[in-house]
Every structure is written in C-alpha cells, then in structure tokens.
C-alpha cells in the first residue's frame, strides 16, 4: 500500500514537472526579465493590491446571501405587531379589467 502511494506520487510529480521543463521562454533572457519584473521588491505590495477586491466582493456576496443585518427589525412579523405600520391596499381609479 505504501509503495503504491510513493510510486503514484513520483509519477504525478514527473507528469507535473515535464510541462515546466518544456517551456521555451522560461530559460531564455526574456523569460528571466519577465520573472525579474514580476518577483521584484514590489511583489508583496502588488499581490496585496491584486487580492484586495476579493474580501470586499465576498462581503458583498455574504450580505446578498444572508440579508442586510438590520433587516430583521423591519420584517413582516414586526409590522404585524404595530398596526400603525400596516398599509392597506387602495384600488387605483380607472377602468377595471376583469
């Protein structure tokens, strides 16, 4: 069992590493310049600025999914407890279509 796990892991690693070795640009001068431009001193700042919208978007999705936190105070159950807040339907004037 343990040997099959090790062999499977080694096969998976060789399959994953092969495409990386086949990249014609990675070892060229252009590839090295691109990597140096990405992984420079500003890498942490750029990564944070790139990922900054993610928590904001997740919070928007959470609010949409769970509802606005103060909406429980304006629910239908609270409206039924306060007769002043209930509205009555008024029939609009004009021709009736039945």
N, C-alpha and C. Protein backbone atom coordinates (compact mmCIF):
# COMPACT_ATOMS: atom_id res chain seq x y z
N UNK A 1 0.83 -1.20 0.00
CA UNK A 1 0.00 0.00 0.00
C UNK A 1 0.87 1.25 0.00
N UNK A 2 1.87 1.25 0.86
CA UNK A 2 2.75 2.42 0.97
C UNK A 2 3.60 2.60 -0.28
N UNK A 3 4.03 1.51 -0.88
CA UNK A 3 4.85 1.58 -2.08
C UNK A 3 4.02 2.14 -3.24
N UNK A 4 2.77 1.72 -3.34
CA UNK A 4 1.92 2.22 -4.43
C UNK A 4 1.67 3.72 -4.27
N UNK A 5 1.57 4.20 -3.03
CA UNK A 5 1.39 5.63 -2.80
C UNK A 5 2.64 6.41 -3.21
N UNK A 6 3.80 5.88 -2.91
CA UNK A 6 5.06 6.55 -3.28
C UNK A 6 5.21 6.55 -4.80
N UNK A 7 4.92 5.42 -5.44
CA UNK A 7 5.03 5.35 -6.90
C UNK A 7 4.04 6.30 -7.58
N UNK A 8 2.84 6.36 -7.07
CA UNK A 8 1.84 7.27 -7.63
C UNK A 8 2.29 8.71 -7.47
N UNK A 9 2.86 9.04 -6.34
CA UNK A 9 3.35 10.40 -6.11
C UNK A 9 4.49 10.74 -7.06
N UNK A 10 5.41 9.80 -7.26
CA UNK A 10 6.54 10.05 -8.18
C UNK A 10 6.06 10.21 -9.62
N UNK A 11 5.11 9.40 -10.03
CA UNK A 11 4.57 9.52 -11.38
C UNK A 11 3.86 10.86 -11.55
N UNK A 12 3.09 11.26 -10.54
CA UNK A 12 2.39 12.54 -10.62
C UNK A 12 3.39 13.70 -10.69
N UNK A 13 4.46 13.62 -9.92
CA UNK A 13 5.47 14.69 -9.97
C UNK A 13 6.16 14.76 -11.31
N UNK A 14 6.45 13.63 -11.92
CA UNK A 14 7.10 13.67 -13.23
C UNK A 14 6.16 14.21 -14.30
N UNK A 15 4.88 13.92 -14.18
CA UNK A 15 3.91 14.45 -15.15
C UNK A 15 3.76 15.95 -14.97
N UNK A 16 3.81 16.43 -13.74
CA UNK A 16 3.65 17.86 -13.48
C UNK A 16 4.91 18.63 -13.87
N UNK A 17 6.08 18.06 -13.63
CA UNK A 17 7.33 18.76 -13.89
C UNK A 17 7.65 18.81 -15.38
N UNK A 18 7.20 17.85 -16.14
CA UNK A 18 7.53 17.80 -17.57
C UNK A 18 7.09 19.03 -18.34
N UNK A 19 5.86 19.54 -18.21
CA UNK A 19 5.49 20.74 -18.97
C UNK A 19 6.30 21.97 -18.55
N UNK A 20 6.71 22.04 -17.31
CA UNK A 20 7.51 23.18 -16.86
C UNK A 20 8.87 23.15 -17.53
N UNK A 21 9.44 21.98 -17.67
CA UNK A 21 10.74 21.84 -18.33
C UNK A 21 10.63 22.14 -19.83
N UNK A 22 9.47 21.97 -20.41
CA UNK A 22 9.29 22.15 -21.84
C UNK A 22 9.06 23.60 -22.24
N UNK A 23 8.95 24.51 -21.29
CA UNK A 23 8.69 25.91 -21.60
C UNK A 23 9.90 26.54 -22.30
N UNK A 24 9.73 27.02 -23.54
CA UNK A 24 10.89 27.58 -24.25
C UNK A 24 11.28 28.98 -23.76
N UNK A 25 10.37 29.67 -23.09
CA UNK A 25 10.66 31.03 -22.67
C UNK A 25 11.22 31.13 -21.26
N UNK A 26 11.03 30.08 -20.47
CA UNK A 26 11.41 30.17 -19.06
C UNK A 26 12.91 30.34 -18.86
N UNK A 27 13.70 29.70 -19.68
CA UNK A 27 15.15 29.77 -19.51
C UNK A 27 15.81 30.78 -20.44
N UNK A 28 15.02 31.49 -21.23
CA UNK A 28 15.59 32.48 -22.14
C UNK A 28 15.79 33.80 -21.40
N UNK A 29 16.44 34.74 -22.06
CA UNK A 29 16.68 36.06 -21.46
C UNK A 29 15.36 36.80 -21.21
N UNK A 30 14.43 36.69 -22.14
CA UNK A 30 13.14 37.35 -21.99
C UNK A 30 12.39 36.77 -20.80
N UNK A 31 12.41 35.46 -20.65
CA UNK A 31 11.76 34.82 -19.52
C UNK A 31 12.36 35.25 -18.20
N UNK A 32 13.67 35.39 -18.16
CA UNK A 32 14.33 35.83 -16.93
C UNK A 32 13.99 37.29 -16.61
N UNK A 33 13.87 38.13 -17.65
CA UNK A 33 13.49 39.54 -17.42
C UNK A 33 12.05 39.64 -16.92
N UNK A 34 11.17 38.83 -17.48
CA UNK A 34 9.78 38.84 -17.04
C UNK A 34 9.69 38.38 -15.59
N UNK A 35 10.37 37.32 -15.24
CA UNK A 35 10.37 36.83 -13.87
C UNK A 35 10.96 37.87 -12.92
N UNK A 36 12.01 38.56 -13.35
CA UNK A 36 12.59 39.60 -12.51
C UNK A 36 11.64 40.77 -12.36
N UNK A 37 10.85 41.07 -13.39
CA UNK A 37 9.88 42.15 -13.29
C UNK A 37 8.69 41.81 -12.40
N UNK A 38 8.35 40.55 -12.35
CA UNK A 38 7.22 40.13 -11.50
C UNK A 38 7.66 39.98 -10.06
N UNK A 39 8.75 39.27 -9.85
CA UNK A 39 9.20 38.97 -8.48
C UNK A 39 10.26 39.98 -8.03
N UNK A 40 9.93 41.26 -8.08
CA UNK A 40 10.86 42.30 -7.64
C UNK A 40 10.51 42.74 -6.22
N UNK A 41 11.03 43.88 -5.80
CA UNK A 41 10.81 44.36 -4.43
C UNK A 41 9.35 44.73 -4.17
N UNK A 42 8.59 45.04 -5.21
CA UNK A 42 7.19 45.44 -5.05
C UNK A 42 6.22 44.27 -5.16
N UNK A 43 6.73 43.04 -5.14
CA UNK A 43 5.87 41.88 -5.35
C UNK A 43 4.79 41.77 -4.27
N UNK A 44 5.16 41.96 -3.01
CA UNK A 44 4.19 41.83 -1.91
C UNK A 44 3.09 42.90 -2.06
N UNK A 45 3.50 44.13 -2.33
CA UNK A 45 2.52 45.21 -2.50
C UNK A 45 1.59 44.93 -3.67
N UNK A 46 2.15 44.49 -4.79
CA UNK A 46 1.32 44.17 -5.96
C UNK A 46 0.37 43.01 -5.69
N UNK A 47 0.84 42.00 -4.96
CA UNK A 47 -0.02 40.87 -4.62
C UNK A 47 -1.17 41.30 -3.71
N UNK A 48 -0.86 42.15 -2.73
CA UNK A 48 -1.92 42.63 -1.82
C UNK A 48 -2.93 43.48 -2.58
N UNK A 49 -2.46 44.37 -3.42
CA UNK A 49 -3.37 45.22 -4.19
C UNK A 49 -4.20 44.41 -5.18
N UNK A 50 -3.63 43.34 -5.71
CA UNK A 50 -4.38 42.49 -6.62
C UNK A 50 -5.46 41.71 -5.89
N UNK A 51 -5.17 41.24 -4.67
CA UNK A 51 -6.12 40.43 -3.92
C UNK A 51 -7.06 41.26 -3.05
N UNK A 52 -6.89 42.57 -2.99
CA UNK A 52 -7.71 43.43 -2.15
C UNK A 52 -9.21 43.37 -2.47
N UNK A 53 -9.62 43.31 -3.72
CA UNK A 53 -11.06 43.26 -4.01
C UNK A 53 -11.73 41.95 -3.57
N UNK A 54 -10.98 40.89 -3.34
CA UNK A 54 -11.58 39.59 -3.01
C UNK A 54 -12.39 39.65 -1.72
N UNK A 55 -11.84 40.15 -0.57
CA UNK A 55 -12.68 40.20 0.63
C UNK A 55 -13.86 41.16 0.50
N UNK A 56 -13.69 42.21 -0.28
CA UNK A 56 -14.79 43.15 -0.48
C UNK A 56 -15.91 42.47 -1.26
N UNK A 57 -15.56 41.76 -2.32
CA UNK A 57 -16.58 41.05 -3.10
C UNK A 57 -17.22 39.93 -2.28
N UNK A 58 -16.43 39.22 -1.47
CA UNK A 58 -17.00 38.18 -0.63
C UNK A 58 -17.96 38.75 0.41
N UNK A 59 -17.65 39.92 0.94
CA UNK A 59 -18.58 40.53 1.90
C UNK A 59 -19.87 40.96 1.22
N UNK A 60 -19.78 41.44 -0.02
CA UNK A 60 -20.99 41.80 -0.77
C UNK A 60 -21.84 40.56 -1.03
N UNK A 61 -21.20 39.46 -1.41
CA UNK A 61 -21.93 38.22 -1.64
C UNK A 61 -22.57 37.73 -0.34
N UNK A 62 -21.87 37.87 0.78
CA UNK A 62 -22.42 37.46 2.07
C UNK A 62 -23.66 38.28 2.42
N UNK A 63 -23.60 39.59 2.21
CA UNK A 63 -24.74 40.45 2.53
C UNK A 63 -25.92 40.12 1.63
N UNK A 64 -25.65 39.86 0.36
CA UNK A 64 -26.73 39.49 -0.56
C UNK A 64 -27.35 38.16 -0.16
N UNK A 65 -26.52 37.21 0.24
CA UNK A 65 -27.00 35.88 0.58
C UNK A 65 -27.74 35.85 1.91
N UNK A 66 -27.24 36.55 2.91
CA UNK A 66 -27.84 36.46 4.24
C UNK A 66 -28.80 37.59 4.54
N UNK A 67 -28.79 38.61 3.76
CA UNK A 67 -29.66 39.75 4.01
C UNK A 67 -28.92 40.82 4.80
N UNK A 68 -29.43 42.01 4.73
CA UNK A 68 -28.83 43.13 5.45
C UNK A 68 -29.02 42.88 6.95
N UNK A 69 -28.00 43.09 7.77
CA UNK A 69 -28.10 42.75 9.19
C UNK A 69 -29.25 43.46 9.91
N UNK A 70 -29.57 44.69 9.56
CA UNK A 70 -30.63 45.40 10.27
C UNK A 70 -32.00 45.16 9.67
N UNK A 71 -32.11 44.27 8.68
CA UNK A 71 -33.41 44.00 8.06
C UNK A 71 -34.34 43.22 8.98
N UNK A 72 -33.81 42.57 10.02
CA UNK A 72 -34.68 41.82 10.93
C UNK A 72 -35.58 42.75 11.73
N UNK A 73 -35.20 44.01 11.88
CA UNK A 73 -36.04 44.97 12.60
C UNK A 73 -37.20 45.45 11.75
N UNK A 74 -37.11 45.26 10.45
CA UNK A 74 -38.16 45.72 9.55
C UNK A 74 -38.86 44.54 8.88
N UNK A 75 -38.94 43.43 9.55
CA UNK A 75 -39.55 42.25 8.96
C UNK A 75 -41.08 42.35 9.01
N UNK A 76 -41.76 41.44 8.35
CA UNK A 76 -43.22 41.43 8.32
C UNK A 76 -43.80 41.13 9.69
N UNK A 77 -43.09 40.33 10.49
CA UNK A 77 -43.58 40.00 11.82
C UNK A 77 -43.63 41.25 12.69
N UNK A 78 -42.63 42.10 12.61
CA UNK A 78 -42.65 43.34 13.37
C UNK A 78 -43.74 44.27 12.87
N UNK A 79 -44.00 44.25 11.58
CA UNK A 79 -45.03 45.12 11.02
C UNK A 79 -46.41 44.69 11.50
N UNK A 80 -46.60 43.38 11.69
CA UNK A 80 -47.91 42.92 12.16
C UNK A 80 -48.13 43.25 13.64
N UNK A 81 -47.08 43.44 14.40
CA UNK A 81 -47.21 43.79 15.81
C UNK A 81 -47.57 45.26 16.00
N UNK A 82 -47.24 46.08 15.03
CA UNK A 82 -47.51 47.51 15.10
C UNK A 82 -48.56 47.87 14.06
N UNK A 83 -49.81 48.09 14.48
CA UNK A 83 -50.87 48.36 13.50
C UNK A 83 -50.66 49.67 12.75
N UNK A 84 -49.89 50.59 13.29
CA UNK A 84 -49.66 51.86 12.61
C UNK A 84 -48.83 51.65 11.33
N UNK A 85 -48.01 50.64 11.33
CA UNK A 85 -47.11 50.46 10.20
C UNK A 85 -47.73 49.64 9.08
N UNK A 86 -48.92 49.06 9.31
CA UNK A 86 -49.55 48.26 8.27
C UNK A 86 -50.14 49.18 7.22
N UNK A 87 -50.01 48.77 6.01
CA UNK A 87 -50.57 49.55 4.91
C UNK A 87 -51.77 48.81 4.36
N UNK A 88 -52.72 49.55 3.85
CA UNK A 88 -53.89 48.96 3.23
C UNK A 88 -53.82 49.19 1.74
N UNK A 89 -54.34 48.24 1.01
CA UNK A 89 -54.35 48.34 -0.44
C UNK A 89 -55.46 49.30 -0.86
N UNK A 90 -55.13 50.20 -1.73
CA UNK A 90 -56.11 51.15 -2.26
C UNK A 90 -56.27 50.84 -3.73
N UNK A 91 -57.51 50.69 -4.16
CA UNK A 91 -57.77 50.37 -5.55
C UNK A 91 -57.53 51.62 -6.38
N UNK A 92 -56.77 51.45 -7.43
CA UNK A 92 -56.46 52.58 -8.29
C UNK A 92 -57.69 52.94 -9.12
N UNK A 93 -57.88 54.22 -9.34
CA UNK A 93 -59.03 54.66 -10.13
C UNK A 93 -58.74 54.39 -11.61
N UNK A 94 -59.78 54.25 -12.36
CA UNK A 94 -59.63 53.99 -13.78
C UNK A 94 -60.46 52.79 -14.17
N UNK A 95 -60.33 52.39 -15.39
CA UNK A 95 -61.12 51.29 -15.89
C UNK A 95 -60.65 49.99 -15.25
N UNK A 96 -61.64 49.20 -14.88
CA UNK A 96 -61.32 47.89 -14.28
C UNK A 96 -61.32 46.85 -15.38
N UNK A 97 -60.35 45.99 -15.30
CA UNK A 97 -60.25 44.91 -16.29
C UNK A 97 -60.44 43.61 -15.55
N UNK A 98 -61.57 42.95 -15.77
CA UNK A 98 -61.80 41.65 -15.12
C UNK A 98 -61.82 40.56 -16.13
